[in-house]
N, C-alpha and C. Protein backbone atom coordinates (compact mmCIF):
# COMPACT_ATOMS: atom_id res chain seq x y z
N MET A 1 176.92 53.62 185.01
CA MET A 1 176.91 52.18 184.89
C MET A 1 177.34 51.79 183.48
N GLY A 2 178.07 50.73 183.35
CA GLY A 2 178.53 50.25 182.06
C GLY A 2 177.70 49.09 181.57
N THR A 3 177.71 48.91 180.26
CA THR A 3 176.95 47.84 179.62
C THR A 3 177.83 47.22 178.55
N SER A 4 177.58 45.97 178.28
CA SER A 4 178.33 45.27 177.24
C SER A 4 177.35 44.67 176.24
N TYR A 5 177.63 44.84 174.96
CA TYR A 5 176.83 44.23 173.90
C TYR A 5 177.75 43.46 172.99
N GLY A 6 177.23 42.41 172.39
CA GLY A 6 178.04 41.61 171.50
C GLY A 6 177.35 41.34 170.18
N THR A 7 178.17 41.03 169.19
CA THR A 7 177.65 40.62 167.89
C THR A 7 178.34 39.32 167.49
N ILE A 8 177.62 38.50 166.74
CA ILE A 8 178.16 37.27 166.18
C ILE A 8 177.83 37.27 164.69
N CYS A 9 178.84 37.12 163.87
CA CYS A 9 178.64 37.09 162.42
C CYS A 9 178.00 35.75 162.04
N LYS A 10 176.91 35.82 161.30
CA LYS A 10 176.22 34.61 160.86
C LYS A 10 176.99 33.88 159.77
N SER A 11 177.92 34.57 159.11
CA SER A 11 178.69 33.95 158.03
C SER A 11 179.95 33.24 158.54
N CYS A 12 180.74 33.92 159.36
CA CYS A 12 182.03 33.33 159.77
C CYS A 12 182.13 33.02 161.26
N GLY A 13 181.13 33.44 162.03
CA GLY A 13 181.13 33.16 163.47
C GLY A 13 181.97 34.11 164.31
N ASN A 14 182.55 35.14 163.70
CA ASN A 14 183.36 36.10 164.44
C ASN A 14 182.51 36.79 165.52
N GLU A 15 183.05 36.84 166.73
CA GLU A 15 182.35 37.48 167.84
C GLU A 15 183.07 38.76 168.23
N GLU A 16 182.31 39.82 168.45
CA GLU A 16 182.84 41.11 168.90
C GLU A 16 182.06 41.54 170.13
N GLU A 17 182.75 42.16 171.08
CA GLU A 17 182.10 42.70 172.27
C GLU A 17 182.32 44.21 172.30
N TYR A 18 181.26 44.95 172.61
CA TYR A 18 181.31 46.39 172.64
C TYR A 18 180.92 46.87 174.03
N MET A 19 181.84 47.56 174.69
CA MET A 19 181.59 48.10 176.01
C MET A 19 181.02 49.50 175.85
N LEU A 20 180.03 49.83 176.67
CA LEU A 20 179.40 51.15 176.63
C LEU A 20 179.24 51.68 178.04
N GLY A 21 179.21 52.99 178.18
CA GLY A 21 178.93 53.63 179.46
C GLY A 21 180.18 53.98 180.23
N CYS A 22 179.99 54.26 181.50
CA CYS A 22 181.11 54.71 182.34
C CYS A 22 181.30 53.83 183.56
N GLY A 23 180.77 52.63 183.57
CA GLY A 23 180.85 51.76 184.74
C GLY A 23 182.26 51.48 185.21
N PHE A 24 183.22 51.49 184.29
CA PHE A 24 184.59 51.16 184.65
C PHE A 24 185.40 52.41 185.01
N MET A 25 184.86 53.59 184.75
CA MET A 25 185.60 54.83 185.02
C MET A 25 184.71 55.77 185.81
N SER A 26 185.12 56.10 187.00
CA SER A 26 184.29 56.95 187.84
C SER A 26 184.90 58.31 188.10
N ASN A 27 186.06 58.58 187.54
CA ASN A 27 186.63 59.90 187.78
C ASN A 27 187.16 60.52 186.50
N ARG A 28 187.62 61.74 186.62
CA ARG A 28 188.05 62.53 185.47
C ARG A 28 189.56 62.72 185.44
N SER A 29 190.31 61.70 185.73
CA SER A 29 191.77 61.87 185.79
C SER A 29 192.43 61.49 184.46
N PHE A 30 193.55 62.14 184.20
CA PHE A 30 194.35 61.80 183.03
C PHE A 30 194.89 60.37 183.16
N GLU A 31 195.16 59.95 184.38
CA GLU A 31 195.66 58.59 184.61
C GLU A 31 194.69 57.55 184.07
N HIS A 32 193.41 57.74 184.34
CA HIS A 32 192.40 56.79 183.84
C HIS A 32 192.29 56.84 182.32
N LEU A 33 192.43 58.03 181.75
CA LEU A 33 192.39 58.13 180.29
C LEU A 33 193.56 57.37 179.66
N HIS A 34 194.76 57.52 180.25
CA HIS A 34 195.93 56.81 179.74
C HIS A 34 195.76 55.30 179.84
N GLU A 35 195.21 54.85 180.97
CA GLU A 35 195.02 53.41 181.18
C GLU A 35 194.02 52.80 180.20
N ASN A 36 193.07 53.60 179.74
CA ASN A 36 192.00 53.09 178.89
C ASN A 36 192.07 53.56 177.45
N THR A 37 193.26 54.01 177.05
CA THR A 37 193.49 54.44 175.68
C THR A 37 194.65 53.64 175.10
N SER A 38 194.45 53.06 173.94
CA SER A 38 195.52 52.27 173.33
C SER A 38 196.30 53.06 172.28
N SER A 39 195.73 54.14 171.77
CA SER A 39 196.37 54.92 170.72
C SER A 39 197.58 55.71 171.25
N LYS A 40 198.74 55.47 170.64
CA LYS A 40 199.95 56.19 171.05
C LYS A 40 199.83 57.68 170.74
N ILE A 41 199.20 58.01 169.63
CA ILE A 41 199.02 59.41 169.25
C ILE A 41 198.13 60.12 170.27
N LEU A 42 197.03 59.48 170.64
CA LEU A 42 196.13 60.08 171.61
C LEU A 42 196.82 60.23 172.97
N LYS A 43 197.63 59.26 173.35
CA LYS A 43 198.37 59.36 174.61
C LYS A 43 199.33 60.55 174.59
N ARG A 44 199.97 60.80 173.44
CA ARG A 44 200.85 61.97 173.32
C ARG A 44 200.06 63.26 173.46
N HIS A 45 198.89 63.32 172.83
CA HIS A 45 198.03 64.50 172.97
C HIS A 45 197.64 64.71 174.43
N LEU A 46 197.28 63.62 175.11
CA LEU A 46 196.89 63.73 176.51
C LEU A 46 198.04 64.25 177.36
N ASN A 47 199.25 63.75 177.11
CA ASN A 47 200.43 64.23 177.85
C ASN A 47 200.63 65.72 177.65
N LEU A 48 200.53 66.18 176.40
CA LEU A 48 200.66 67.60 176.10
C LEU A 48 199.60 68.43 176.81
N LEU A 49 198.35 67.99 176.71
CA LEU A 49 197.26 68.74 177.33
C LEU A 49 197.41 68.81 178.84
N GLU A 50 197.87 67.73 179.44
CA GLU A 50 198.01 67.70 180.90
C GLU A 50 199.21 68.53 181.37
N LYS A 51 200.37 68.31 180.75
CA LYS A 51 201.61 68.89 181.27
C LYS A 51 201.91 70.27 180.70
N GLU A 52 201.71 70.47 179.41
CA GLU A 52 202.05 71.74 178.78
C GLU A 52 200.94 72.78 178.90
N TYR A 53 199.69 72.33 178.83
CA TYR A 53 198.57 73.26 178.81
C TYR A 53 197.72 73.23 180.08
N GLN A 54 198.13 72.45 181.08
CA GLN A 54 197.40 72.32 182.35
C GLN A 54 195.91 72.04 182.11
N GLY A 55 195.66 71.12 181.21
CA GLY A 55 194.28 70.77 180.86
C GLY A 55 193.57 70.07 182.00
N MET A 56 192.24 70.09 181.92
CA MET A 56 191.37 69.45 182.90
C MET A 56 190.33 68.61 182.18
N VAL A 57 190.18 67.36 182.59
CA VAL A 57 189.14 66.51 182.02
C VAL A 57 187.81 67.04 182.56
N ILE A 58 186.92 67.47 181.67
CA ILE A 58 185.70 68.15 182.13
C ILE A 58 184.46 67.27 182.13
N ASP A 59 184.52 66.11 181.53
CA ASP A 59 183.39 65.17 181.56
C ASP A 59 183.90 63.83 182.07
N ILE A 60 183.01 63.06 182.70
CA ILE A 60 183.39 61.70 183.06
C ILE A 60 183.49 60.92 181.75
N PRO A 61 184.65 60.32 181.47
CA PRO A 61 184.80 59.57 180.21
C PRO A 61 183.82 58.40 180.14
N ILE A 62 183.26 58.20 178.95
CA ILE A 62 182.34 57.09 178.73
C ILE A 62 182.70 56.38 177.43
N LEU A 63 182.40 55.11 177.38
CA LEU A 63 182.57 54.36 176.14
C LEU A 63 181.29 54.46 175.32
N LYS A 64 181.45 54.80 174.04
CA LYS A 64 180.32 54.94 173.13
C LYS A 64 180.58 54.12 171.88
N LEU A 65 179.51 53.87 171.15
CA LEU A 65 179.63 53.19 169.87
C LEU A 65 179.86 54.21 168.77
N TYR A 66 180.75 53.85 167.86
CA TYR A 66 181.06 54.66 166.68
C TYR A 66 180.93 53.77 165.46
N GLU A 67 180.71 54.39 164.30
CA GLU A 67 180.62 53.61 163.07
C GLU A 67 181.55 54.20 162.01
N CYS A 68 182.04 53.31 161.15
CA CYS A 68 182.77 53.74 159.97
C CYS A 68 181.76 53.69 158.82
N SER A 69 181.49 54.84 158.24
CA SER A 69 180.49 54.89 157.16
C SER A 69 181.02 54.28 155.86
N GLN A 70 182.34 54.18 155.72
CA GLN A 70 182.93 53.57 154.52
C GLN A 70 182.91 52.04 154.61
N CYS A 71 183.40 51.51 155.73
CA CYS A 71 183.48 50.06 155.90
C CYS A 71 182.18 49.46 156.45
N LYS A 72 181.31 50.31 156.98
CA LYS A 72 180.06 49.87 157.62
C LYS A 72 180.35 48.94 158.80
N THR A 73 181.31 49.35 159.65
CA THR A 73 181.67 48.56 160.82
C THR A 73 181.41 49.36 162.10
N ILE A 74 181.30 48.64 163.22
CA ILE A 74 181.01 49.22 164.52
C ILE A 74 182.28 49.19 165.37
N HIS A 75 182.47 50.23 166.17
CA HIS A 75 183.65 50.34 167.04
C HIS A 75 183.22 50.93 168.38
N SER A 76 183.90 50.54 169.44
CA SER A 76 183.67 51.11 170.76
C SER A 76 184.86 52.01 171.08
N ARG A 77 184.61 53.28 171.41
CA ARG A 77 185.68 54.23 171.69
C ARG A 77 185.34 55.09 172.89
N LEU A 78 186.37 55.63 173.51
CA LEU A 78 186.22 56.46 174.70
C LEU A 78 185.87 57.90 174.30
N LYS A 79 184.77 58.40 174.84
CA LYS A 79 184.36 59.79 174.59
C LYS A 79 184.68 60.59 175.85
N PHE A 80 185.40 61.70 175.66
CA PHE A 80 185.74 62.58 176.77
C PHE A 80 186.06 63.96 176.23
N ALA A 81 186.20 64.91 177.12
CA ALA A 81 186.56 66.27 176.72
C ALA A 81 187.57 66.81 177.72
N VAL A 82 188.56 67.55 177.21
CA VAL A 82 189.59 68.18 178.05
C VAL A 82 189.57 69.68 177.76
N GLU A 83 189.41 70.46 178.81
CA GLU A 83 189.46 71.92 178.66
C GLU A 83 190.90 72.37 178.93
N TYR A 84 191.39 73.29 178.10
CA TYR A 84 192.75 73.78 178.26
C TYR A 84 192.81 75.22 177.74
N GLY A 85 193.90 75.90 178.03
CA GLY A 85 194.09 77.26 177.52
C GLY A 85 192.97 78.19 177.92
N GLU A 86 192.60 79.06 177.01
CA GLU A 86 191.53 80.05 177.24
C GLU A 86 190.18 79.47 176.82
N ASN A 87 189.64 78.56 177.62
CA ASN A 87 188.34 77.93 177.36
C ASN A 87 188.31 77.13 176.06
N GLU A 88 189.44 76.58 175.64
CA GLU A 88 189.47 75.71 174.48
C GLU A 88 189.17 74.28 174.94
N VAL A 89 188.55 73.49 174.06
CA VAL A 89 188.16 72.13 174.43
C VAL A 89 188.68 71.14 173.39
N PHE A 90 189.31 70.08 173.89
CA PHE A 90 189.79 69.00 173.03
C PHE A 90 188.83 67.82 173.16
N ASN A 91 188.29 67.36 172.03
CA ASN A 91 187.49 66.14 171.95
C ASN A 91 188.21 65.22 170.98
N PRO A 92 188.46 63.98 171.36
CA PRO A 92 189.21 63.10 170.46
C PRO A 92 188.41 62.77 169.20
N GLN A 93 189.14 62.63 168.11
CA GLN A 93 188.56 62.18 166.85
C GLN A 93 189.18 60.82 166.55
N TYR A 94 188.35 59.85 166.23
CA TYR A 94 188.85 58.50 165.97
C TYR A 94 188.73 58.17 164.49
N ASN A 95 189.66 57.35 164.02
CA ASN A 95 189.65 56.91 162.63
C ASN A 95 189.53 55.40 162.57
N CYS A 96 188.95 54.91 161.50
CA CYS A 96 188.83 53.48 161.25
C CYS A 96 190.23 52.91 161.04
N GLY A 97 190.51 51.80 161.68
CA GLY A 97 191.81 51.17 161.54
C GLY A 97 192.05 50.60 160.15
N LYS A 98 190.98 50.31 159.42
CA LYS A 98 191.12 49.71 158.10
C LYS A 98 191.23 50.76 157.00
N CYS A 99 190.28 51.69 156.93
CA CYS A 99 190.24 52.64 155.81
C CYS A 99 190.65 54.06 156.20
N LYS A 100 190.84 54.30 157.50
CA LYS A 100 191.27 55.60 158.04
C LYS A 100 190.20 56.69 157.98
N SER A 101 188.95 56.35 157.63
CA SER A 101 187.86 57.32 157.65
C SER A 101 187.56 57.72 159.09
N ILE A 102 187.00 58.90 159.26
CA ILE A 102 186.63 59.37 160.59
C ILE A 102 185.44 58.57 161.09
N LEU A 103 185.54 58.06 162.33
CA LEU A 103 184.44 57.33 162.95
C LEU A 103 183.44 58.33 163.50
N MET A 104 182.16 58.04 163.30
CA MET A 104 181.09 58.92 163.78
C MET A 104 180.32 58.22 164.89
N PRO A 105 179.93 58.98 165.94
CA PRO A 105 179.17 58.37 167.04
C PRO A 105 177.84 57.83 166.57
N ILE A 106 177.43 56.71 167.15
CA ILE A 106 176.13 56.12 166.87
C ILE A 106 175.22 56.50 168.04
N GLU A 107 174.10 57.13 167.73
CA GLU A 107 173.12 57.44 168.76
C GLU A 107 172.18 56.25 168.85
N LEU A 108 172.08 55.65 170.03
CA LEU A 108 171.31 54.43 170.18
C LEU A 108 169.80 54.64 170.08
N VAL A 109 169.30 55.80 170.47
CA VAL A 109 167.87 56.07 170.37
C VAL A 109 167.52 56.29 168.91
N GLY A 110 166.66 55.45 168.38
CA GLY A 110 166.25 55.58 167.00
C GLY A 110 167.32 55.17 166.00
N SER A 111 168.36 54.48 166.47
CA SER A 111 169.42 54.06 165.56
C SER A 111 169.08 52.73 164.93
N SER A 112 169.98 52.25 164.11
CA SER A 112 169.76 50.97 163.46
C SER A 112 169.94 49.80 164.44
N PHE A 113 170.36 50.10 165.67
CA PHE A 113 170.43 49.05 166.67
C PHE A 113 169.05 48.75 167.24
N GLY A 114 168.17 49.74 167.27
CA GLY A 114 166.83 49.54 167.80
C GLY A 114 166.84 49.26 169.29
N SER A 115 165.69 48.91 169.82
CA SER A 115 165.57 48.72 171.27
C SER A 115 166.22 47.42 171.74
N GLN A 116 166.33 46.42 170.89
CA GLN A 116 166.97 45.16 171.27
C GLN A 116 168.46 45.15 170.98
N MET A 117 169.00 46.27 170.50
CA MET A 117 170.41 46.36 170.18
C MET A 117 170.81 45.38 169.08
N GLU A 118 169.94 45.18 168.11
CA GLU A 118 170.25 44.33 166.97
C GLU A 118 170.85 45.19 165.86
N PRO A 119 172.12 45.03 165.56
CA PRO A 119 172.73 45.85 164.52
C PRO A 119 172.29 45.42 163.13
N THR A 120 171.80 46.36 162.35
CA THR A 120 171.44 46.06 160.97
C THR A 120 172.20 47.01 160.07
N GLY A 121 172.63 46.51 158.94
CA GLY A 121 173.35 47.34 157.99
C GLY A 121 174.84 47.44 158.25
N TYR A 122 175.34 46.76 159.26
CA TYR A 122 176.76 46.79 159.56
C TYR A 122 177.43 45.49 159.12
N LYS A 123 178.72 45.58 158.82
CA LYS A 123 179.46 44.42 158.32
C LYS A 123 180.39 43.85 159.39
N CYS A 124 180.66 42.56 159.23
CA CYS A 124 181.62 41.86 160.09
C CYS A 124 183.02 42.40 159.80
N LYS A 125 183.80 42.66 160.84
CA LYS A 125 185.16 43.17 160.65
C LYS A 125 186.09 42.08 160.07
N LYS A 126 185.74 40.83 160.29
CA LYS A 126 186.62 39.74 159.83
C LYS A 126 186.37 39.36 158.37
N CYS A 127 185.10 39.04 158.03
CA CYS A 127 184.82 38.55 156.68
C CYS A 127 184.24 39.63 155.76
N GLY A 128 183.80 40.76 156.32
CA GLY A 128 183.29 41.86 155.52
C GLY A 128 181.85 41.70 155.04
N LYS A 129 181.17 40.65 155.49
CA LYS A 129 179.79 40.44 155.05
C LYS A 129 178.82 41.13 156.00
N GLU A 130 177.70 41.56 155.45
CA GLU A 130 176.66 42.22 156.24
C GLU A 130 175.78 41.14 156.86
N SER A 131 176.33 40.47 157.87
CA SER A 131 175.63 39.33 158.46
C SER A 131 175.74 39.29 159.97
N LEU A 132 175.68 40.44 160.61
CA LEU A 132 175.73 40.48 162.08
C LEU A 132 174.37 40.23 162.65
């Protein structure tokens, strides 16, 4: 099942929506990964894994929250794994669009979102203020 959470910046009013879970994707096909991936580089990797290495999507893809530790911003990205070759596994690595730092997954249990999903310590992507 999928879930959606949103934030509104108290300073500039910018609204962001973050999709989580697998409600929109119920299978492990490369076609679904392509449809739900905007990165051209990642799409090229997927093409290579599927066609050249006969890769197999081994987990049902899910949307998870990631954070940029440099910019202190929140991002929603697709988490999945593809097995290829001799038991090798590809897991995508995402980078912040602003500073290019590696995005790290946010674990919701015991995270700064808490049980009400209130983000603390994160900044607005538009104005850069810590006022979500």
